[in-house]
Amino acid sequence: ILVVGVNGVGKTTTIGKLTQRFQREGKSVMLAAGDTFRAAAVEQLKVWGERNSVPVIAQHTGADSASVIYDAVAAAKSRGVDVLIADTAGRLHNKSHLMEELKKVHRVMQKLDDTAP
């Protein structure tokens, strides 16, 4: 699941809630910290990972978002994880560099899994 949306709408909090729901259904979950722009984003997602006892694939703030998500897809596949939920930076449709980043994320995910979003 690739979570996208505008800034400040609760994407990361929703990821925490989705994680709990999938776990109640008996599914294994992994999180990907693809929001590498907002300074606290990686830490916020790690907190949700700790609360739900799920692994979080992350790199440092400013890292390439597509690289983080590529690593997460590879890790989820190798570990047999049922659901991978990837957080992304908030973006508006008129911010072309962020929309291009989303296209890149899609391309790298498709390299590992042609059914990926």
N, C-alpha and C. Protein backbone atom coordinates (compact mmCIF):
# COMPACT_ATOMS: atom_id res chain seq x y z
N ILE A 1 0.86 -1.17 0.00
CA ILE A 1 0.00 0.00 0.00
C ILE A 1 0.90 1.23 0.00
N LEU A 2 0.73 2.08 -0.98
CA LEU A 2 1.49 3.32 -1.07
C LEU A 2 0.57 4.45 -0.61
N VAL A 3 0.92 5.09 0.51
CA VAL A 3 0.07 6.12 1.10
C VAL A 3 0.55 7.49 0.61
N VAL A 4 -0.33 8.18 -0.11
CA VAL A 4 0.00 9.50 -0.65
C VAL A 4 -1.11 10.49 -0.29
N GLY A 5 -0.76 11.76 -0.27
CA GLY A 5 -1.75 12.79 0.02
C GLY A 5 -1.07 14.12 0.28
N VAL A 6 -1.88 15.12 0.55
CA VAL A 6 -1.34 16.46 0.81
C VAL A 6 -0.77 16.51 2.23
N ASN A 7 -0.04 17.56 2.52
CA ASN A 7 0.60 17.73 3.82
C ASN A 7 -0.43 17.83 4.94
N GLY A 8 -0.13 17.16 6.05
CA GLY A 8 -0.90 17.36 7.27
C GLY A 8 -2.26 16.71 7.35
N VAL A 9 -2.54 15.72 6.53
CA VAL A 9 -3.87 15.10 6.56
C VAL A 9 -3.91 13.82 7.39
N GLY A 10 -2.78 13.42 7.98
CA GLY A 10 -2.78 12.25 8.84
C GLY A 10 -2.37 10.95 8.18
N LYS A 11 -1.54 11.03 7.16
CA LYS A 11 -1.11 9.82 6.46
C LYS A 11 -0.39 8.86 7.41
N THR A 12 0.53 9.37 8.19
CA THR A 12 1.33 8.51 9.05
C THR A 12 0.48 7.91 10.16
N THR A 13 -0.42 8.68 10.73
CA THR A 13 -1.32 8.15 11.75
C THR A 13 -2.24 7.09 11.16
N THR A 14 -2.71 7.31 9.96
CA THR A 14 -3.54 6.31 9.29
C THR A 14 -2.77 5.02 9.08
N ILE A 15 -1.49 5.12 8.76
CA ILE A 15 -0.65 3.93 8.59
C ILE A 15 -0.63 3.12 9.89
N GLY A 16 -0.49 3.81 11.02
CA GLY A 16 -0.51 3.11 12.31
C GLY A 16 -1.81 2.38 12.53
N LYS A 17 -2.92 3.00 12.18
CA LYS A 17 -4.24 2.37 12.35
C LYS A 17 -4.44 1.22 11.38
N LEU A 18 -3.97 1.38 10.14
CA LEU A 18 -4.06 0.28 9.17
C LEU A 18 -3.23 -0.91 9.63
N THR A 19 -2.07 -0.63 10.19
CA THR A 19 -1.21 -1.70 10.69
C THR A 19 -1.97 -2.53 11.73
N GLN A 20 -2.61 -1.87 12.67
CA GLN A 20 -3.38 -2.57 13.70
C GLN A 20 -4.50 -3.40 13.08
N ARG A 21 -5.16 -2.86 12.10
CA ARG A 21 -6.26 -3.58 11.46
C ARG A 21 -5.75 -4.85 10.78
N PHE A 22 -4.68 -4.73 9.99
CA PHE A 22 -4.14 -5.90 9.31
C PHE A 22 -3.65 -6.94 10.31
N GLN A 23 -3.07 -6.51 11.41
CA GLN A 23 -2.61 -7.45 12.43
C GLN A 23 -3.79 -8.19 13.06
N ARG A 24 -4.88 -7.49 13.30
CA ARG A 24 -6.08 -8.16 13.84
C ARG A 24 -6.60 -9.22 12.89
N GLU A 25 -6.36 -9.01 11.59
CA GLU A 25 -6.77 -9.99 10.58
C GLU A 25 -5.75 -11.12 10.44
N GLY A 26 -4.69 -11.08 11.25
CA GLY A 26 -3.69 -12.14 11.23
C GLY A 26 -2.61 -11.98 10.18
N LYS A 27 -2.49 -10.81 9.61
CA LYS A 27 -1.50 -10.57 8.57
C LYS A 27 -0.21 -9.98 9.17
N SER A 28 0.91 -10.33 8.56
CA SER A 28 2.18 -9.71 8.96
C SER A 28 2.32 -8.39 8.19
N VAL A 29 2.89 -7.40 8.86
CA VAL A 29 2.98 -6.05 8.29
C VAL A 29 4.40 -5.53 8.42
N MET A 30 4.81 -4.77 7.43
CA MET A 30 6.08 -4.03 7.46
C MET A 30 5.79 -2.61 7.01
N LEU A 31 6.54 -1.65 7.56
CA LEU A 31 6.36 -0.25 7.19
C LEU A 31 7.60 0.27 6.49
N ALA A 32 7.39 1.19 5.55
CA ALA A 32 8.49 1.83 4.82
C ALA A 32 8.41 3.34 5.05
N ALA A 33 9.50 3.90 5.54
CA ALA A 33 9.56 5.34 5.84
C ALA A 33 9.99 6.12 4.60
N GLY A 34 9.08 6.26 3.66
CA GLY A 34 9.36 6.94 2.40
C GLY A 34 9.27 8.45 2.46
N ASP A 35 8.79 9.00 3.58
CA ASP A 35 8.78 10.45 3.74
C ASP A 35 10.14 10.84 4.30
N THR A 36 11.05 11.16 3.41
CA THR A 36 12.41 11.50 3.83
C THR A 36 12.64 13.01 3.87
N PHE A 37 11.58 13.80 3.65
CA PHE A 37 11.70 15.26 3.65
C PHE A 37 11.44 15.86 5.03
N ARG A 38 10.34 15.45 5.65
CA ARG A 38 9.97 16.02 6.95
C ARG A 38 10.88 15.42 8.02
N ALA A 39 11.51 16.29 8.78
CA ALA A 39 12.53 15.85 9.73
C ALA A 39 12.04 14.79 10.71
N ALA A 40 10.84 14.92 11.21
CA ALA A 40 10.35 13.98 12.22
C ALA A 40 9.59 12.79 11.63
N ALA A 41 9.45 12.73 10.33
CA ALA A 41 8.61 11.70 9.71
C ALA A 41 9.12 10.29 9.97
N VAL A 42 10.42 10.08 9.81
CA VAL A 42 10.98 8.74 10.02
C VAL A 42 10.78 8.32 11.47
N GLU A 43 11.06 9.23 12.40
CA GLU A 43 10.89 8.91 13.82
C GLU A 43 9.43 8.62 14.15
N GLN A 44 8.52 9.39 13.57
CA GLN A 44 7.09 9.18 13.83
C GLN A 44 6.67 7.79 13.36
N LEU A 45 7.14 7.38 12.19
CA LEU A 45 6.78 6.06 11.67
C LEU A 45 7.42 4.96 12.52
N LYS A 46 8.64 5.20 12.98
CA LYS A 46 9.29 4.21 13.85
C LYS A 46 8.51 4.01 15.15
N VAL A 47 7.95 5.09 15.68
CA VAL A 47 7.12 4.98 16.88
C VAL A 47 5.91 4.08 16.60
N TRP A 48 5.26 4.28 15.45
CA TRP A 48 4.13 3.43 15.09
C TRP A 48 4.58 1.98 14.91
N GLY A 49 5.76 1.79 14.36
CA GLY A 49 6.30 0.44 14.23
C GLY A 49 6.51 -0.22 15.58
N GLU A 50 7.08 0.53 16.52
CA GLU A 50 7.30 0.01 17.87
C GLU A 50 5.99 -0.29 18.57
N ARG A 51 5.02 0.61 18.46
CA ARG A 51 3.72 0.40 19.10
C ARG A 51 3.05 -0.88 18.61
N ASN A 52 3.25 -1.19 17.34
CA ASN A 52 2.59 -2.34 16.74
C ASN A 52 3.53 -3.54 16.57
N SER A 53 4.76 -3.41 17.05
CA SER A 53 5.75 -4.49 16.95
C SER A 53 5.95 -4.97 15.52
N VAL A 54 6.13 -4.01 14.60
CA VAL A 54 6.39 -4.35 13.20
C VAL A 54 7.69 -3.68 12.76
N PRO A 55 8.41 -4.29 11.83
CA PRO A 55 9.65 -3.68 11.34
C PRO A 55 9.38 -2.45 10.48
N VAL A 56 10.30 -1.51 10.57
CA VAL A 56 10.24 -0.29 9.76
C VAL A 56 11.54 -0.19 8.96
N ILE A 57 11.42 -0.12 7.65
CA ILE A 57 12.58 0.07 6.79
C ILE A 57 12.74 1.57 6.60
N ALA A 58 13.90 2.09 6.97
CA ALA A 58 14.11 3.55 6.93
C ALA A 58 15.56 3.86 6.60
N GLN A 59 15.76 5.08 6.14
CA GLN A 59 17.09 5.65 5.96
C GLN A 59 17.07 7.01 6.64
N HIS A 60 18.07 7.80 6.40
CA HIS A 60 18.18 9.11 7.04
C HIS A 60 17.29 10.15 6.35
N THR A 61 17.01 11.23 7.06
CA THR A 61 16.27 12.35 6.49
C THR A 61 17.06 12.88 5.29
N GLY A 62 16.37 13.10 4.18
CA GLY A 62 17.00 13.58 2.96
C GLY A 62 17.39 12.47 2.01
N ALA A 63 17.23 11.22 2.43
CA ALA A 63 17.56 10.09 1.55
C ALA A 63 16.58 10.04 0.38
N ASP A 64 16.93 9.27 -0.63
CA ASP A 64 16.06 9.11 -1.79
C ASP A 64 14.86 8.24 -1.41
N SER A 65 13.67 8.79 -1.50
CA SER A 65 12.45 8.09 -1.13
C SER A 65 12.28 6.79 -1.91
N ALA A 66 12.55 6.83 -3.19
CA ALA A 66 12.40 5.63 -4.02
C ALA A 66 13.35 4.53 -3.57
N SER A 67 14.53 4.91 -3.13
CA SER A 67 15.51 3.93 -2.63
C SER A 67 15.01 3.25 -1.36
N VAL A 68 14.45 4.03 -0.46
CA VAL A 68 13.90 3.48 0.78
C VAL A 68 12.79 2.48 0.46
N ILE A 69 11.90 2.87 -0.43
CA ILE A 69 10.76 2.01 -0.75
C ILE A 69 11.22 0.77 -1.53
N TYR A 70 12.21 0.90 -2.38
CA TYR A 70 12.79 -0.25 -3.07
C TYR A 70 13.33 -1.25 -2.05
N ASP A 71 14.12 -0.74 -1.08
CA ASP A 71 14.66 -1.61 -0.03
C ASP A 71 13.54 -2.29 0.75
N ALA A 72 12.48 -1.56 1.01
CA ALA A 72 11.36 -2.12 1.78
C ALA A 72 10.64 -3.21 1.00
N VAL A 73 10.40 -3.00 -0.29
CA VAL A 73 9.75 -4.03 -1.11
C VAL A 73 10.61 -5.28 -1.14
N ALA A 74 11.91 -5.10 -1.33
CA ALA A 74 12.83 -6.25 -1.35
C ALA A 74 12.81 -6.99 -0.02
N ALA A 75 12.84 -6.25 1.09
CA ALA A 75 12.82 -6.86 2.42
C ALA A 75 11.51 -7.58 2.68
N ALA A 76 10.39 -6.96 2.30
CA ALA A 76 9.08 -7.58 2.52
C ALA A 76 8.96 -8.88 1.73
N LYS A 77 9.43 -8.86 0.50
CA LYS A 77 9.38 -10.07 -0.33
C LYS A 77 10.26 -11.17 0.26
N SER A 78 11.46 -10.82 0.68
CA SER A 78 12.38 -11.84 1.20
C SER A 78 11.92 -12.41 2.53
N ARG A 79 11.18 -11.62 3.32
CA ARG A 79 10.70 -12.08 4.63
C ARG A 79 9.29 -12.67 4.57
N GLY A 80 8.68 -12.63 3.39
CA GLY A 80 7.33 -13.18 3.26
C GLY A 80 6.26 -12.38 3.99
N VAL A 81 6.45 -11.08 4.04
CA VAL A 81 5.49 -10.19 4.71
C VAL A 81 4.22 -10.09 3.88
N ASP A 82 3.07 -10.13 4.56
CA ASP A 82 1.78 -10.07 3.86
C ASP A 82 1.47 -8.67 3.33
N VAL A 83 1.73 -7.63 4.14
CA VAL A 83 1.34 -6.27 3.77
C VAL A 83 2.51 -5.32 4.04
N LEU A 84 2.89 -4.58 3.01
CA LEU A 84 3.88 -3.51 3.15
C LEU A 84 3.13 -2.19 2.98
N ILE A 85 3.29 -1.31 3.96
CA ILE A 85 2.65 0.01 3.89
C ILE A 85 3.76 1.05 3.82
N ALA A 86 3.77 1.82 2.74
CA ALA A 86 4.82 2.82 2.51
C ALA A 86 4.29 4.23 2.71
N ASP A 87 4.91 4.94 3.62
CA ASP A 87 4.61 6.35 3.86
C ASP A 87 5.34 7.18 2.81
N THR A 88 4.76 8.29 2.41
CA THR A 88 5.42 9.21 1.48
C THR A 88 5.25 10.64 1.99
N ALA A 89 6.06 11.52 1.47
CA ALA A 89 5.98 12.94 1.83
C ALA A 89 4.67 13.53 1.32
N GLY A 90 4.13 14.48 2.07
CA GLY A 90 2.95 15.20 1.60
C GLY A 90 3.28 15.95 0.32
N ARG A 91 2.31 15.99 -0.57
CA ARG A 91 2.58 16.64 -1.87
C ARG A 91 1.31 17.24 -2.44
N LEU A 92 1.47 18.32 -3.14
CA LEU A 92 0.39 18.93 -3.90
C LEU A 92 0.62 18.63 -5.37
N HIS A 93 -0.45 18.54 -6.14
CA HIS A 93 -0.34 18.20 -7.55
C HIS A 93 0.45 19.22 -8.36
N ASN A 94 0.55 20.46 -7.87
CA ASN A 94 1.26 21.49 -8.62
C ASN A 94 2.75 21.56 -8.28
N LYS A 95 3.24 20.68 -7.44
CA LYS A 95 4.67 20.59 -7.13
C LYS A 95 5.27 19.49 -8.00
N SER A 96 5.74 19.89 -9.17
CA SER A 96 6.15 18.91 -10.18
C SER A 96 7.27 17.99 -9.71
N HIS A 97 8.22 18.49 -8.93
CA HIS A 97 9.32 17.62 -8.48
C HIS A 97 8.81 16.51 -7.57
N LEU A 98 7.79 16.79 -6.76
CA LEU A 98 7.23 15.75 -5.90
C LEU A 98 6.39 14.76 -6.69
N MET A 99 5.73 15.23 -7.72
CA MET A 99 4.97 14.32 -8.57
C MET A 99 5.92 13.42 -9.36
N GLU A 100 7.05 13.97 -9.79
CA GLU A 100 8.07 13.16 -10.48
C GLU A 100 8.65 12.12 -9.53
N GLU A 101 8.84 12.51 -8.27
CA GLU A 101 9.33 11.55 -7.29
C GLU A 101 8.37 10.37 -7.16
N LEU A 102 7.08 10.65 -7.16
CA LEU A 102 6.08 9.60 -7.06
C LEU A 102 6.15 8.66 -8.26
N LYS A 103 6.39 9.21 -9.44
CA LYS A 103 6.57 8.36 -10.63
C LYS A 103 7.79 7.46 -10.47
N LYS A 104 8.86 8.01 -9.91
CA LYS A 104 10.07 7.22 -9.69
C LYS A 104 9.81 6.10 -8.69
N VAL A 105 9.10 6.40 -7.62
CA VAL A 105 8.74 5.38 -6.63
C VAL A 105 7.99 4.25 -7.32
N HIS A 106 7.03 4.60 -8.15
CA HIS A 106 6.25 3.59 -8.88
C HIS A 106 7.17 2.73 -9.75
N ARG A 107 8.07 3.36 -10.47
CA ARG A 107 8.99 2.62 -11.36
C ARG A 107 9.85 1.63 -10.59
N VAL A 108 10.42 2.06 -9.48
CA VAL A 108 11.31 1.15 -8.75
C VAL A 108 10.53 0.02 -8.08
N MET A 109 9.31 0.29 -7.65
CA MET A 109 8.49 -0.78 -7.07
C MET A 109 8.16 -1.82 -8.13
N GLN A 110 7.87 -1.36 -9.34
CA GLN A 110 7.52 -2.27 -10.43
C GLN A 110 8.69 -3.19 -10.80
N LYS A 111 9.92 -2.75 -10.56
CA LYS A 111 11.08 -3.60 -10.86
C LYS A 111 11.09 -4.87 -10.02
N LEU A 112 10.58 -4.77 -8.80
CA LEU A 112 10.57 -5.92 -7.90
C LEU A 112 9.24 -6.66 -7.87
N ASP A 113 8.16 -5.93 -8.17
CA ASP A 113 6.83 -6.54 -8.09
C ASP A 113 5.91 -5.84 -9.08
N ASP A 114 5.59 -6.54 -10.16
CA ASP A 114 4.77 -5.90 -11.20
C ASP A 114 3.32 -5.71 -10.78
N THR A 115 2.94 -6.20 -9.60
CA THR A 115 1.59 -5.96 -9.09
C THR A 115 1.56 -4.80 -8.10
N ALA A 116 2.73 -4.20 -7.84
CA ALA A 116 2.80 -3.09 -6.88
C ALA A 116 2.04 -1.88 -7.40
N PRO A 117 1.55 -1.04 -6.45
CA PRO A 117 0.79 0.14 -6.88
C PRO A 117 1.61 1.10 -7.71
